[in-house]
N, C-alpha and C. Protein backbone atom coordinates (compact mmCIF):
# COMPACT_ATOMS: atom_id res chain seq x y z
N MET A 1 -13.04 -9.13 29.17
CA MET A 1 -11.77 -9.51 29.79
C MET A 1 -12.03 -10.56 30.87
N ILE A 2 -11.01 -11.36 31.10
CA ILE A 2 -11.08 -12.31 32.20
C ILE A 2 -9.80 -12.18 33.03
N THR A 3 -9.84 -12.71 34.23
CA THR A 3 -8.67 -12.70 35.10
C THR A 3 -8.24 -14.13 35.36
N LEU A 4 -7.00 -14.43 35.06
CA LEU A 4 -6.44 -15.75 35.30
C LEU A 4 -5.12 -15.60 36.06
N HIS A 5 -5.00 -16.29 37.18
CA HIS A 5 -3.79 -16.21 38.00
C HIS A 5 -3.44 -14.76 38.34
N GLY A 6 -4.47 -13.95 38.56
CA GLY A 6 -4.26 -12.56 38.91
C GLY A 6 -3.86 -11.67 37.75
N LYS A 7 -3.93 -12.21 36.53
CA LYS A 7 -3.54 -11.44 35.34
C LYS A 7 -4.77 -11.14 34.48
N THR A 8 -4.84 -9.90 34.01
CA THR A 8 -5.95 -9.51 33.15
C THR A 8 -5.68 -9.98 31.73
N VAL A 9 -6.61 -10.75 31.17
CA VAL A 9 -6.47 -11.32 29.84
C VAL A 9 -7.51 -10.69 28.91
N ARG A 10 -7.05 -9.93 27.92
CA ARG A 10 -7.97 -9.35 26.94
C ARG A 10 -8.44 -10.44 25.98
N GLN A 11 -9.72 -10.41 25.65
CA GLN A 11 -10.32 -11.52 24.91
C GLN A 11 -10.83 -11.14 23.52
N THR A 12 -11.53 -10.04 23.40
CA THR A 12 -12.20 -9.68 22.16
C THR A 12 -11.35 -8.73 21.33
N LEU A 13 -11.74 -8.57 20.05
CA LEU A 13 -11.04 -7.60 19.21
C LEU A 13 -11.08 -6.21 19.81
N GLU A 14 -12.24 -5.85 20.37
CA GLU A 14 -12.40 -4.53 20.96
C GLU A 14 -11.44 -4.31 22.13
N GLU A 15 -11.18 -5.35 22.88
CA GLU A 15 -10.26 -5.25 24.01
C GLU A 15 -8.80 -5.31 23.56
N ILE A 16 -8.55 -6.04 22.49
CA ILE A 16 -7.18 -6.32 22.07
C ILE A 16 -6.60 -5.24 21.15
N LEU A 17 -7.43 -4.72 20.24
CA LEU A 17 -6.91 -3.78 19.23
C LEU A 17 -6.87 -2.36 19.78
N LEU A 18 -5.85 -2.09 20.57
CA LEU A 18 -5.63 -0.76 21.13
C LEU A 18 -4.59 -0.05 20.27
N PRO A 19 -4.93 1.10 19.70
CA PRO A 19 -4.05 1.74 18.72
C PRO A 19 -2.60 1.95 19.18
N ALA A 20 -2.41 2.35 20.41
CA ALA A 20 -1.06 2.67 20.88
C ALA A 20 -0.17 1.44 21.00
N SER A 21 -0.77 0.25 21.10
CA SER A 21 0.03 -0.95 21.33
C SER A 21 -0.18 -2.02 20.26
N THR A 22 -0.70 -1.62 19.09
CA THR A 22 -0.96 -2.57 18.01
C THR A 22 -0.12 -2.21 16.79
N ALA A 23 0.52 -3.21 16.20
CA ALA A 23 1.34 -3.03 15.00
C ALA A 23 0.77 -3.83 13.84
N LEU A 24 0.98 -3.33 12.65
CA LEU A 24 0.67 -4.07 11.44
C LEU A 24 1.95 -4.71 10.93
N LEU A 25 1.94 -6.03 10.76
CA LEU A 25 3.08 -6.75 10.19
C LEU A 25 2.75 -7.09 8.74
N VAL A 26 3.46 -6.47 7.83
CA VAL A 26 3.25 -6.65 6.39
C VAL A 26 4.25 -7.68 5.90
N ILE A 27 3.78 -8.87 5.56
CA ILE A 27 4.66 -10.00 5.28
C ILE A 27 4.80 -10.26 3.78
N ASP A 28 5.98 -10.02 3.25
CA ASP A 28 6.39 -10.52 1.92
C ASP A 28 5.48 -10.10 0.77
N ILE A 29 5.02 -8.86 0.76
CA ILE A 29 4.23 -8.40 -0.39
C ILE A 29 5.24 -7.92 -1.43
N GLN A 30 5.83 -8.91 -2.12
CA GLN A 30 6.96 -8.70 -3.03
C GLN A 30 6.63 -9.24 -4.42
N ASN A 31 7.33 -8.71 -5.41
CA ASN A 31 7.01 -9.04 -6.81
C ASN A 31 7.07 -10.53 -7.11
N ASP A 32 8.06 -11.23 -6.58
CA ASP A 32 8.17 -12.66 -6.91
C ASP A 32 7.00 -13.48 -6.40
N PHE A 33 6.29 -12.97 -5.39
CA PHE A 33 5.15 -13.69 -4.82
C PHE A 33 3.80 -13.23 -5.36
N PHE A 34 3.78 -12.12 -6.12
CA PHE A 34 2.51 -11.55 -6.56
C PHE A 34 2.44 -11.27 -8.05
N ASP A 35 3.52 -10.86 -8.65
CA ASP A 35 3.48 -10.37 -10.02
C ASP A 35 3.45 -11.51 -11.04
N ALA A 36 2.79 -11.26 -12.16
CA ALA A 36 2.69 -12.26 -13.24
C ALA A 36 4.05 -12.58 -13.85
N LYS A 37 5.05 -11.72 -13.62
CA LYS A 37 6.40 -11.97 -14.13
C LYS A 37 7.34 -12.49 -13.04
N GLY A 38 6.81 -12.75 -11.86
CA GLY A 38 7.63 -13.19 -10.75
C GLY A 38 7.98 -14.66 -10.81
N VAL A 39 8.86 -15.08 -9.92
CA VAL A 39 9.35 -16.46 -9.90
C VAL A 39 8.21 -17.45 -9.65
N PHE A 40 7.29 -17.14 -8.74
CA PHE A 40 6.20 -18.07 -8.46
C PHE A 40 5.30 -18.25 -9.68
N ALA A 41 4.97 -17.16 -10.35
CA ALA A 41 4.14 -17.26 -11.55
C ALA A 41 4.86 -18.03 -12.64
N ASN A 42 6.16 -17.79 -12.81
CA ASN A 42 6.94 -18.48 -13.83
C ASN A 42 7.08 -19.97 -13.55
N ALA A 43 6.89 -20.36 -12.29
CA ALA A 43 6.93 -21.78 -11.93
C ALA A 43 5.57 -22.45 -12.11
N GLY A 44 4.59 -21.70 -12.65
CA GLY A 44 3.28 -22.27 -12.90
C GLY A 44 2.31 -22.13 -11.76
N ARG A 45 2.67 -21.34 -10.72
CA ARG A 45 1.76 -21.14 -9.60
C ARG A 45 0.56 -20.31 -10.04
N ASP A 46 -0.56 -20.53 -9.39
CA ASP A 46 -1.79 -19.79 -9.69
C ASP A 46 -1.79 -18.49 -8.87
N MET A 47 -1.70 -17.37 -9.54
CA MET A 47 -1.57 -16.09 -8.86
C MET A 47 -2.92 -15.38 -8.68
N ALA A 48 -4.03 -16.05 -8.99
CA ALA A 48 -5.33 -15.40 -8.97
C ALA A 48 -5.69 -14.86 -7.59
N LEU A 49 -5.48 -15.66 -6.55
CA LEU A 49 -5.83 -15.23 -5.21
C LEU A 49 -4.94 -14.08 -4.75
N ALA A 50 -3.65 -14.17 -5.06
CA ALA A 50 -2.73 -13.10 -4.69
C ALA A 50 -3.15 -11.79 -5.36
N GLN A 51 -3.48 -11.86 -6.65
CA GLN A 51 -3.89 -10.66 -7.36
C GLN A 51 -5.22 -10.13 -6.85
N ALA A 52 -6.13 -11.03 -6.45
CA ALA A 52 -7.44 -10.61 -5.95
C ALA A 52 -7.35 -9.92 -4.59
N HIS A 53 -6.44 -10.38 -3.73
CA HIS A 53 -6.35 -9.85 -2.38
C HIS A 53 -5.34 -8.71 -2.24
N LEU A 54 -4.48 -8.53 -3.23
CA LEU A 54 -3.48 -7.46 -3.15
C LEU A 54 -4.12 -6.08 -2.93
N PRO A 55 -5.19 -5.72 -3.63
CA PRO A 55 -5.81 -4.40 -3.37
C PRO A 55 -6.28 -4.25 -1.92
N ASN A 56 -6.77 -5.33 -1.31
CA ASN A 56 -7.17 -5.26 0.10
C ASN A 56 -5.96 -4.96 0.99
N MET A 57 -4.84 -5.58 0.67
CA MET A 57 -3.62 -5.34 1.44
C MET A 57 -3.18 -3.89 1.32
N LEU A 58 -3.18 -3.38 0.09
CA LEU A 58 -2.74 -2.00 -0.13
C LEU A 58 -3.64 -1.01 0.59
N ARG A 59 -4.95 -1.26 0.56
CA ARG A 59 -5.88 -0.36 1.25
C ARG A 59 -5.66 -0.39 2.76
N LEU A 60 -5.48 -1.59 3.30
CA LEU A 60 -5.29 -1.72 4.74
C LEU A 60 -4.01 -0.99 5.17
N ILE A 61 -2.94 -1.18 4.41
CA ILE A 61 -1.68 -0.50 4.75
C ILE A 61 -1.86 1.01 4.70
N ALA A 62 -2.47 1.51 3.64
CA ALA A 62 -2.65 2.96 3.49
C ALA A 62 -3.51 3.53 4.62
N ASP A 63 -4.59 2.83 4.95
CA ASP A 63 -5.46 3.30 6.04
C ASP A 63 -4.72 3.26 7.38
N TRP A 64 -3.95 2.21 7.57
CA TRP A 64 -3.20 2.05 8.82
C TRP A 64 -2.19 3.20 8.97
N GLN A 65 -1.48 3.48 7.90
CA GLN A 65 -0.50 4.56 7.94
C GLN A 65 -1.19 5.91 8.15
N SER A 66 -2.35 6.10 7.54
CA SER A 66 -3.06 7.37 7.68
C SER A 66 -3.49 7.63 9.12
N LEU A 67 -3.67 6.55 9.89
CA LEU A 67 -4.01 6.68 11.30
C LEU A 67 -2.78 6.90 12.18
N GLY A 68 -1.60 6.86 11.57
CA GLY A 68 -0.36 7.08 12.31
C GLY A 68 0.05 5.91 13.17
N LEU A 69 -0.40 4.70 12.80
CA LEU A 69 -0.13 3.52 13.63
C LEU A 69 1.17 2.83 13.22
N PHE A 70 1.72 2.08 14.15
CA PHE A 70 3.02 1.43 13.94
C PHE A 70 2.90 0.35 12.87
N THR A 71 3.81 0.39 11.91
CA THR A 71 3.78 -0.51 10.76
C THR A 71 5.17 -1.06 10.52
N VAL A 72 5.27 -2.37 10.32
CA VAL A 72 6.55 -3.01 10.02
C VAL A 72 6.42 -3.76 8.70
N PHE A 73 7.35 -3.50 7.80
CA PHE A 73 7.38 -4.18 6.51
C PHE A 73 8.46 -5.26 6.55
N VAL A 74 8.05 -6.48 6.22
CA VAL A 74 8.96 -7.63 6.26
C VAL A 74 9.19 -8.13 4.84
N ARG A 75 10.46 -8.42 4.52
CA ARG A 75 10.82 -8.94 3.20
C ARG A 75 11.55 -10.27 3.31
N GLN A 76 11.18 -11.20 2.45
CA GLN A 76 11.96 -12.42 2.28
C GLN A 76 13.13 -12.09 1.36
N VAL A 77 14.33 -12.51 1.74
CA VAL A 77 15.49 -12.29 0.86
C VAL A 77 16.26 -13.59 0.69
N THR A 78 16.85 -13.74 -0.48
CA THR A 78 17.75 -14.85 -0.78
C THR A 78 19.11 -14.27 -1.11
N LEU A 79 20.15 -14.79 -0.49
CA LEU A 79 21.50 -14.28 -0.72
C LEU A 79 22.13 -14.96 -1.93
N PRO A 80 23.08 -14.28 -2.60
CA PRO A 80 23.73 -14.87 -3.77
C PRO A 80 24.42 -16.19 -3.44
N ASP A 81 24.45 -17.09 -4.41
CA ASP A 81 25.16 -18.36 -4.31
C ASP A 81 24.68 -19.22 -3.14
N GLY A 82 23.41 -19.03 -2.75
CA GLY A 82 22.86 -19.87 -1.69
C GLY A 82 23.50 -19.69 -0.34
N ARG A 83 24.10 -18.52 -0.09
CA ARG A 83 24.84 -18.33 1.16
C ARG A 83 23.96 -18.29 2.40
N GLY A 84 22.66 -18.08 2.21
CA GLY A 84 21.75 -18.13 3.36
C GLY A 84 20.92 -19.39 3.40
N ASP A 85 21.22 -20.35 2.52
CA ASP A 85 20.39 -21.55 2.36
C ASP A 85 21.16 -22.80 2.76
N SER A 86 20.66 -23.51 3.77
CA SER A 86 21.24 -24.80 4.13
C SER A 86 20.76 -25.85 3.13
N PRO A 87 21.38 -27.03 3.09
CA PRO A 87 20.88 -28.10 2.23
C PRO A 87 19.42 -28.46 2.53
N ALA A 88 19.05 -28.52 3.81
CA ALA A 88 17.67 -28.85 4.18
C ALA A 88 16.71 -27.78 3.70
N TRP A 89 17.11 -26.51 3.80
CA TRP A 89 16.25 -25.42 3.36
C TRP A 89 16.12 -25.41 1.84
N LEU A 90 17.22 -25.71 1.14
CA LEU A 90 17.16 -25.79 -0.32
C LEU A 90 16.22 -26.90 -0.76
N ARG A 91 16.24 -28.01 -0.06
CA ARG A 91 15.33 -29.10 -0.40
C ARG A 91 13.88 -28.64 -0.30
N LEU A 92 13.57 -27.88 0.76
CA LEU A 92 12.21 -27.39 0.94
C LEU A 92 11.84 -26.37 -0.15
N LYS A 93 12.79 -25.52 -0.50
CA LYS A 93 12.51 -24.47 -1.49
C LYS A 93 12.20 -25.04 -2.88
N VAL A 94 12.82 -26.16 -3.25
CA VAL A 94 12.65 -26.69 -4.61
C VAL A 94 11.72 -27.90 -4.65
N ARG A 95 10.99 -28.16 -3.57
CA ARG A 95 10.17 -29.37 -3.49
C ARG A 95 9.13 -29.45 -4.60
N ASP A 96 8.67 -28.28 -5.10
CA ASP A 96 7.62 -28.27 -6.12
C ASP A 96 8.15 -27.82 -7.48
N GLY A 97 9.45 -27.83 -7.64
CA GLY A 97 10.04 -27.56 -8.96
C GLY A 97 10.41 -26.13 -9.25
N LYS A 98 10.10 -25.20 -8.34
CA LYS A 98 10.42 -23.80 -8.62
C LYS A 98 11.90 -23.53 -8.33
N SER A 99 12.39 -22.43 -8.86
CA SER A 99 13.76 -22.02 -8.61
C SER A 99 13.94 -21.64 -7.14
N PRO A 100 15.09 -21.97 -6.54
CA PRO A 100 15.34 -21.53 -5.17
C PRO A 100 15.78 -20.07 -5.10
N SER A 101 15.96 -19.45 -6.26
CA SER A 101 16.52 -18.09 -6.29
C SER A 101 15.44 -17.03 -6.42
N TYR A 102 14.39 -17.16 -5.60
CA TYR A 102 13.38 -16.11 -5.60
C TYR A 102 13.75 -15.04 -4.57
N THR A 103 13.21 -13.86 -4.75
CA THR A 103 13.48 -12.68 -3.92
C THR A 103 14.98 -12.52 -3.65
N MET A 104 15.76 -12.57 -4.72
CA MET A 104 17.20 -12.36 -4.58
C MET A 104 17.45 -10.95 -4.07
N LYS A 105 18.34 -10.82 -3.11
CA LYS A 105 18.60 -9.53 -2.49
C LYS A 105 18.95 -8.48 -3.53
N GLY A 106 18.22 -7.36 -3.50
CA GLY A 106 18.46 -6.26 -4.43
C GLY A 106 17.79 -6.39 -5.78
N SER A 107 17.07 -7.48 -6.01
CA SER A 107 16.46 -7.72 -7.31
C SER A 107 15.06 -7.11 -7.40
N TRP A 108 14.54 -7.06 -8.62
CA TRP A 108 13.16 -6.63 -8.82
C TRP A 108 12.20 -7.57 -8.10
N GLY A 109 12.48 -8.86 -8.14
CA GLY A 109 11.61 -9.84 -7.51
C GLY A 109 11.51 -9.67 -6.00
N ALA A 110 12.56 -9.15 -5.38
CA ALA A 110 12.56 -8.94 -3.93
C ALA A 110 11.92 -7.61 -3.55
N ALA A 111 11.71 -6.73 -4.53
CA ALA A 111 11.15 -5.42 -4.23
C ALA A 111 9.68 -5.53 -3.84
N PHE A 112 9.23 -4.59 -3.03
CA PHE A 112 7.82 -4.55 -2.68
C PHE A 112 6.98 -4.28 -3.93
N CYS A 113 5.77 -4.82 -3.93
CA CYS A 113 4.85 -4.60 -5.05
C CYS A 113 4.51 -3.11 -5.17
N ASP A 114 4.13 -2.71 -6.38
CA ASP A 114 3.71 -1.33 -6.60
C ASP A 114 2.59 -0.98 -5.63
N GLY A 115 2.68 0.21 -5.06
CA GLY A 115 1.67 0.67 -4.11
C GLY A 115 2.10 0.53 -2.66
N ILE A 116 3.17 -0.26 -2.42
CA ILE A 116 3.72 -0.38 -1.07
C ILE A 116 4.68 0.78 -0.86
N ALA A 117 4.42 1.60 0.16
CA ALA A 117 5.23 2.80 0.37
C ALA A 117 5.56 2.96 1.85
N PRO A 118 6.62 2.29 2.33
CA PRO A 118 7.01 2.49 3.73
C PRO A 118 7.35 3.96 3.99
N ARG A 119 6.87 4.47 5.12
CA ARG A 119 7.24 5.80 5.56
C ARG A 119 8.65 5.77 6.15
N GLU A 120 9.22 6.94 6.33
CA GLU A 120 10.57 7.00 6.90
C GLU A 120 10.64 6.31 8.25
N GLN A 121 9.55 6.40 9.02
CA GLN A 121 9.56 5.82 10.37
C GLN A 121 9.18 4.35 10.40
N ASP A 122 8.83 3.75 9.27
CA ASP A 122 8.40 2.36 9.24
C ASP A 122 9.60 1.43 9.14
N PRO A 123 9.84 0.57 10.13
CA PRO A 123 10.95 -0.37 10.03
C PRO A 123 10.74 -1.35 8.87
N ILE A 124 11.84 -1.73 8.23
CA ILE A 124 11.85 -2.78 7.21
C ILE A 124 12.75 -3.90 7.72
N VAL A 125 12.20 -5.09 7.83
CA VAL A 125 12.92 -6.23 8.39
C VAL A 125 13.12 -7.27 7.29
N ASP A 126 14.37 -7.64 7.05
CA ASP A 126 14.68 -8.70 6.09
C ASP A 126 14.81 -10.03 6.83
N LYS A 127 14.30 -11.08 6.20
CA LYS A 127 14.37 -12.41 6.83
C LYS A 127 14.84 -13.43 5.80
N LEU A 128 15.43 -14.50 6.30
CA LEU A 128 15.92 -15.58 5.44
C LEU A 128 15.05 -16.83 5.49
N ARG A 129 14.06 -16.83 6.40
CA ARG A 129 13.18 -17.98 6.56
C ARG A 129 11.74 -17.48 6.68
N PRO A 130 10.74 -18.37 6.62
CA PRO A 130 9.36 -17.92 6.66
C PRO A 130 8.97 -17.13 7.91
N ASP A 131 9.43 -17.56 9.07
CA ASP A 131 9.09 -16.91 10.34
C ASP A 131 9.79 -15.55 10.43
N ALA A 132 9.02 -14.47 10.51
CA ALA A 132 9.60 -13.12 10.53
C ALA A 132 10.34 -12.82 11.82
N PHE A 133 10.20 -13.66 12.84
CA PHE A 133 10.91 -13.45 14.10
C PHE A 133 12.26 -14.17 14.12
N LEU A 134 12.41 -15.20 13.29
CA LEU A 134 13.60 -16.06 13.37
C LEU A 134 14.83 -15.34 12.83
N GLY A 135 15.78 -15.07 13.72
CA GLY A 135 17.03 -14.45 13.31
C GLY A 135 16.91 -12.99 12.89
N THR A 136 15.84 -12.31 13.31
CA THR A 136 15.65 -10.91 12.94
C THR A 136 15.49 -10.04 14.19
N SER A 137 15.35 -8.74 13.96
CA SER A 137 15.18 -7.78 15.07
C SER A 137 13.71 -7.49 15.34
N LEU A 138 12.78 -8.25 14.76
CA LEU A 138 11.37 -7.91 14.84
C LEU A 138 10.87 -7.84 16.29
N ASP A 139 11.16 -8.83 17.08
CA ASP A 139 10.68 -8.84 18.47
C ASP A 139 11.22 -7.63 19.23
N MET A 140 12.48 -7.30 19.04
CA MET A 140 13.06 -6.14 19.70
C MET A 140 12.37 -4.85 19.27
N LEU A 141 12.11 -4.71 17.98
CA LEU A 141 11.45 -3.50 17.47
C LEU A 141 10.05 -3.34 18.06
N LEU A 142 9.30 -4.42 18.12
CA LEU A 142 7.95 -4.35 18.67
C LEU A 142 7.97 -3.99 20.15
N LYS A 143 8.79 -4.68 20.90
CA LYS A 143 8.85 -4.41 22.35
C LYS A 143 9.38 -3.01 22.64
N ALA A 144 10.33 -2.54 21.84
CA ALA A 144 10.88 -1.20 22.05
C ALA A 144 9.84 -0.11 21.85
N ASN A 145 8.79 -0.43 21.10
CA ASN A 145 7.76 0.55 20.81
C ASN A 145 6.44 0.26 21.53
N GLY A 146 6.51 -0.55 22.58
CA GLY A 146 5.35 -0.78 23.42
C GLY A 146 4.25 -1.59 22.76
N ILE A 147 4.61 -2.41 21.79
CA ILE A 147 3.61 -3.20 21.06
C ILE A 147 3.37 -4.52 21.77
N ASP A 148 2.09 -4.85 21.99
CA ASP A 148 1.75 -6.18 22.53
C ASP A 148 0.74 -6.92 21.65
N THR A 149 0.37 -6.30 20.52
CA THR A 149 -0.60 -6.89 19.61
C THR A 149 -0.13 -6.71 18.18
N ALA A 150 -0.27 -7.75 17.37
CA ALA A 150 0.13 -7.65 15.97
C ALA A 150 -1.01 -8.11 15.06
N VAL A 151 -1.25 -7.34 14.02
CA VAL A 151 -2.16 -7.72 12.94
C VAL A 151 -1.29 -8.13 11.76
N VAL A 152 -1.52 -9.33 11.24
CA VAL A 152 -0.65 -9.90 10.23
C VAL A 152 -1.37 -9.97 8.89
N ILE A 153 -0.68 -9.49 7.84
CA ILE A 153 -1.20 -9.58 6.47
C ILE A 153 -0.06 -10.01 5.55
N GLY A 154 -0.41 -10.42 4.31
CA GLY A 154 0.62 -10.70 3.32
C GLY A 154 0.55 -12.09 2.74
N ALA A 155 1.73 -12.64 2.42
CA ALA A 155 1.82 -13.92 1.70
C ALA A 155 3.02 -14.73 2.22
N ASN A 156 3.01 -16.01 1.94
CA ASN A 156 1.88 -16.82 1.53
C ASN A 156 1.16 -17.32 2.78
N THR A 157 -0.14 -17.48 2.69
CA THR A 157 -0.95 -17.75 3.88
C THR A 157 -0.44 -18.95 4.66
N GLU A 158 -0.24 -20.07 3.96
CA GLU A 158 0.14 -21.32 4.64
C GLU A 158 1.64 -21.39 4.92
N GLY A 159 2.39 -20.42 4.41
CA GLY A 159 3.84 -20.42 4.57
C GLY A 159 4.30 -19.34 5.52
N CYS A 160 4.77 -18.23 4.96
CA CYS A 160 5.36 -17.18 5.79
C CYS A 160 4.35 -16.51 6.71
N VAL A 161 3.09 -16.39 6.27
CA VAL A 161 2.09 -15.79 7.14
C VAL A 161 1.82 -16.68 8.35
N GLU A 162 1.47 -17.94 8.10
CA GLU A 162 1.17 -18.83 9.23
C GLU A 162 2.38 -19.03 10.14
N SER A 163 3.56 -19.13 9.55
CA SER A 163 4.77 -19.28 10.36
C SER A 163 4.96 -18.08 11.29
N THR A 164 4.73 -16.89 10.74
CA THR A 164 4.89 -15.67 11.54
C THR A 164 3.78 -15.54 12.58
N VAL A 165 2.55 -15.91 12.21
CA VAL A 165 1.44 -15.86 13.16
C VAL A 165 1.72 -16.76 14.36
N ARG A 166 2.15 -17.98 14.11
CA ARG A 166 2.45 -18.89 15.21
C ARG A 166 3.57 -18.32 16.09
N SER A 167 4.63 -17.84 15.45
CA SER A 167 5.76 -17.31 16.21
C SER A 167 5.37 -16.05 16.98
N CYS A 168 4.51 -15.25 16.39
CA CYS A 168 4.02 -14.04 17.06
C CYS A 168 3.34 -14.40 18.38
N ALA A 169 2.47 -15.39 18.32
CA ALA A 169 1.80 -15.84 19.55
C ALA A 169 2.81 -16.44 20.53
N HIS A 170 3.78 -17.18 20.02
CA HIS A 170 4.78 -17.80 20.88
C HIS A 170 5.69 -16.76 21.54
N HIS A 171 5.79 -15.58 20.91
CA HIS A 171 6.55 -14.48 21.52
C HIS A 171 5.67 -13.60 22.41
N ASP A 172 4.48 -14.11 22.75
CA ASP A 172 3.59 -13.48 23.73
C ASP A 172 2.91 -12.20 23.24
N TYR A 173 2.59 -12.16 21.93
CA TYR A 173 1.78 -11.07 21.40
C TYR A 173 0.35 -11.57 21.15
N TYR A 174 -0.63 -10.72 21.46
CA TYR A 174 -1.96 -10.97 20.93
C TYR A 174 -1.84 -10.93 19.41
N THR A 175 -2.45 -11.90 18.73
CA THR A 175 -2.21 -12.06 17.29
C THR A 175 -3.52 -12.09 16.53
N VAL A 176 -3.62 -11.24 15.51
CA VAL A 176 -4.83 -11.11 14.70
C VAL A 176 -4.44 -11.26 13.23
N VAL A 177 -5.25 -11.99 12.47
CA VAL A 177 -5.02 -12.18 11.03
C VAL A 177 -6.15 -11.50 10.27
N ALA A 178 -5.78 -10.68 9.29
CA ALA A 178 -6.77 -10.04 8.42
C ALA A 178 -7.08 -11.00 7.27
N GLU A 179 -8.21 -11.68 7.34
CA GLU A 179 -8.47 -12.81 6.45
C GLU A 179 -8.59 -12.44 4.98
N ASP A 180 -8.99 -11.21 4.67
CA ASP A 180 -9.10 -10.80 3.27
C ASP A 180 -7.84 -10.08 2.80
N ALA A 181 -6.79 -10.08 3.62
CA ALA A 181 -5.54 -9.42 3.26
C ALA A 181 -4.35 -10.38 3.41
N VAL A 182 -4.64 -11.68 3.28
CA VAL A 182 -3.60 -12.70 3.16
C VAL A 182 -3.90 -13.49 1.89
N ALA A 183 -2.86 -14.07 1.31
CA ALA A 183 -3.06 -14.76 0.03
C ALA A 183 -2.00 -15.82 -0.18
N SER A 184 -2.29 -16.70 -1.13
CA SER A 184 -1.40 -17.80 -1.47
C SER A 184 -1.54 -18.10 -2.95
N SER A 185 -0.56 -18.83 -3.48
CA SER A 185 -0.66 -19.32 -4.85
C SER A 185 -1.31 -20.70 -4.89
N ASN A 186 -1.82 -21.16 -3.76
CA ASN A 186 -2.56 -22.42 -3.68
C ASN A 186 -3.81 -22.17 -2.85
N ALA A 187 -4.97 -22.06 -3.50
CA ALA A 187 -6.22 -21.71 -2.81
C ALA A 187 -6.59 -22.75 -1.77
N GLN A 188 -6.32 -24.02 -2.06
CA GLN A 188 -6.66 -25.09 -1.11
C GLN A 188 -5.85 -24.95 0.18
N PHE A 189 -4.56 -24.70 0.05
CA PHE A 189 -3.72 -24.54 1.23
C PHE A 189 -4.09 -23.25 1.98
N HIS A 190 -4.41 -22.21 1.23
CA HIS A 190 -4.85 -20.95 1.83
C HIS A 190 -6.08 -21.17 2.72
N ASP A 191 -7.06 -21.87 2.18
CA ASP A 191 -8.30 -22.13 2.93
C ASP A 191 -8.02 -22.99 4.16
N ALA A 192 -7.17 -24.00 4.00
CA ALA A 192 -6.86 -24.88 5.12
C ALA A 192 -6.12 -24.12 6.22
N SER A 193 -5.19 -23.27 5.82
CA SER A 193 -4.43 -22.49 6.79
C SER A 193 -5.33 -21.53 7.55
N LEU A 194 -6.22 -20.84 6.84
CA LEU A 194 -7.15 -19.93 7.51
C LEU A 194 -8.06 -20.69 8.47
N ALA A 195 -8.52 -21.86 8.07
CA ALA A 195 -9.39 -22.66 8.94
C ALA A 195 -8.67 -23.01 10.24
N LEU A 196 -7.41 -23.39 10.11
CA LEU A 196 -6.63 -23.72 11.30
C LEU A 196 -6.43 -22.48 12.17
N MET A 197 -6.06 -21.36 11.55
CA MET A 197 -5.79 -20.15 12.34
C MET A 197 -7.04 -19.63 13.04
N LYS A 198 -8.20 -19.84 12.43
CA LYS A 198 -9.44 -19.42 13.07
C LYS A 198 -9.70 -20.20 14.36
N GLU A 199 -9.15 -21.40 14.47
CA GLU A 199 -9.32 -22.20 15.67
C GLU A 199 -8.37 -21.78 16.79
N ARG A 200 -7.29 -21.09 16.42
CA ARG A 200 -6.25 -20.79 17.40
C ARG A 200 -6.07 -19.30 17.69
N PHE A 201 -6.32 -18.47 16.70
CA PHE A 201 -6.03 -17.05 16.81
C PHE A 201 -7.28 -16.25 16.46
N LEU A 202 -7.17 -14.93 16.54
CA LEU A 202 -8.26 -14.07 16.11
C LEU A 202 -8.13 -13.78 14.62
N VAL A 203 -9.19 -14.01 13.88
CA VAL A 203 -9.21 -13.78 12.43
C VAL A 203 -10.42 -12.91 12.12
N ALA A 204 -10.21 -11.82 11.40
CA ALA A 204 -11.31 -10.91 11.09
C ALA A 204 -11.02 -10.20 9.78
N SER A 205 -12.03 -9.57 9.21
CA SER A 205 -11.85 -8.81 7.98
C SER A 205 -11.04 -7.55 8.26
N SER A 206 -10.36 -7.05 7.24
CA SER A 206 -9.59 -5.83 7.41
C SER A 206 -10.50 -4.66 7.79
N ARG A 207 -11.72 -4.66 7.26
CA ARG A 207 -12.66 -3.59 7.58
C ARG A 207 -13.00 -3.59 9.08
N ARG A 208 -13.29 -4.78 9.62
CA ARG A 208 -13.63 -4.84 11.05
C ARG A 208 -12.43 -4.45 11.91
N ILE A 209 -11.26 -4.86 11.50
CA ILE A 209 -10.05 -4.51 12.25
C ILE A 209 -9.87 -3.00 12.29
N LEU A 210 -9.98 -2.36 11.14
CA LEU A 210 -9.81 -0.91 11.08
C LEU A 210 -10.90 -0.17 11.85
N ASP A 211 -12.14 -0.63 11.69
CA ASP A 211 -13.25 0.02 12.40
C ASP A 211 -13.05 -0.07 13.91
N THR A 212 -12.57 -1.21 14.38
CA THR A 212 -12.34 -1.39 15.80
C THR A 212 -11.24 -0.46 16.31
N LEU A 213 -10.17 -0.36 15.52
CA LEU A 213 -9.08 0.54 15.92
C LEU A 213 -9.57 1.99 15.94
N LYS A 214 -10.34 2.38 14.96
CA LYS A 214 -10.84 3.76 14.92
C LYS A 214 -11.74 4.05 16.12
N GLU A 215 -12.59 3.08 16.47
CA GLU A 215 -13.44 3.26 17.64
C GLU A 215 -12.60 3.44 18.90
N ASN A 216 -11.50 2.70 18.98
CA ASN A 216 -10.65 2.75 20.17
C ASN A 216 -9.75 3.99 20.19
N LEU A 217 -9.69 4.71 19.08
CA LEU A 217 -8.94 5.96 19.05
C LEU A 217 -9.67 7.06 19.80
N HIS A 218 -10.98 6.91 19.94
CA HIS A 218 -11.78 7.97 20.54
C HIS A 218 -11.93 7.78 22.05
């Protein structure tokens, strides 16, 4: 730890990952972003990385829940008839030729992937944009539960994950990325995003994150 302007600043994973004040943010682990029958796969996206890292995500979530730690599940949703989509947002959604109607509210594509099982006490936050804080109750939920640190996992690395990671830090949370539990349908963008986040935030394996939390439980 260091002291700056009379304030104690936690620096290392061991100092930052305190079980009582750390939350897991599960970002968009939904069928349209992972499944071979989803909208992204049907648009010709390469789902290999998503499929390879999905088991890591499921294990991390299950282990996190088994420790009784705070967990928030975030879903991307699209409203019928583009009611949540501005012209500028629609332009961004279709820039690479895919349908703008992914993760339609209430659809199979918007559902969490098999193996995702929110507990009764786990908040589920729906969002209309990549940043999980924008226009949602996420910040209020975290602060109401004494959370000052967030571990971020999910998809897509260079999109909703990175957007949420940046916003998380901007909302004054210590921010950690589980590097083997994020994924994208573009391996090049995934690697570039992780490289950038390693320069700005804390990035570690899910195993090290869990081991550190377990050590701090004692």
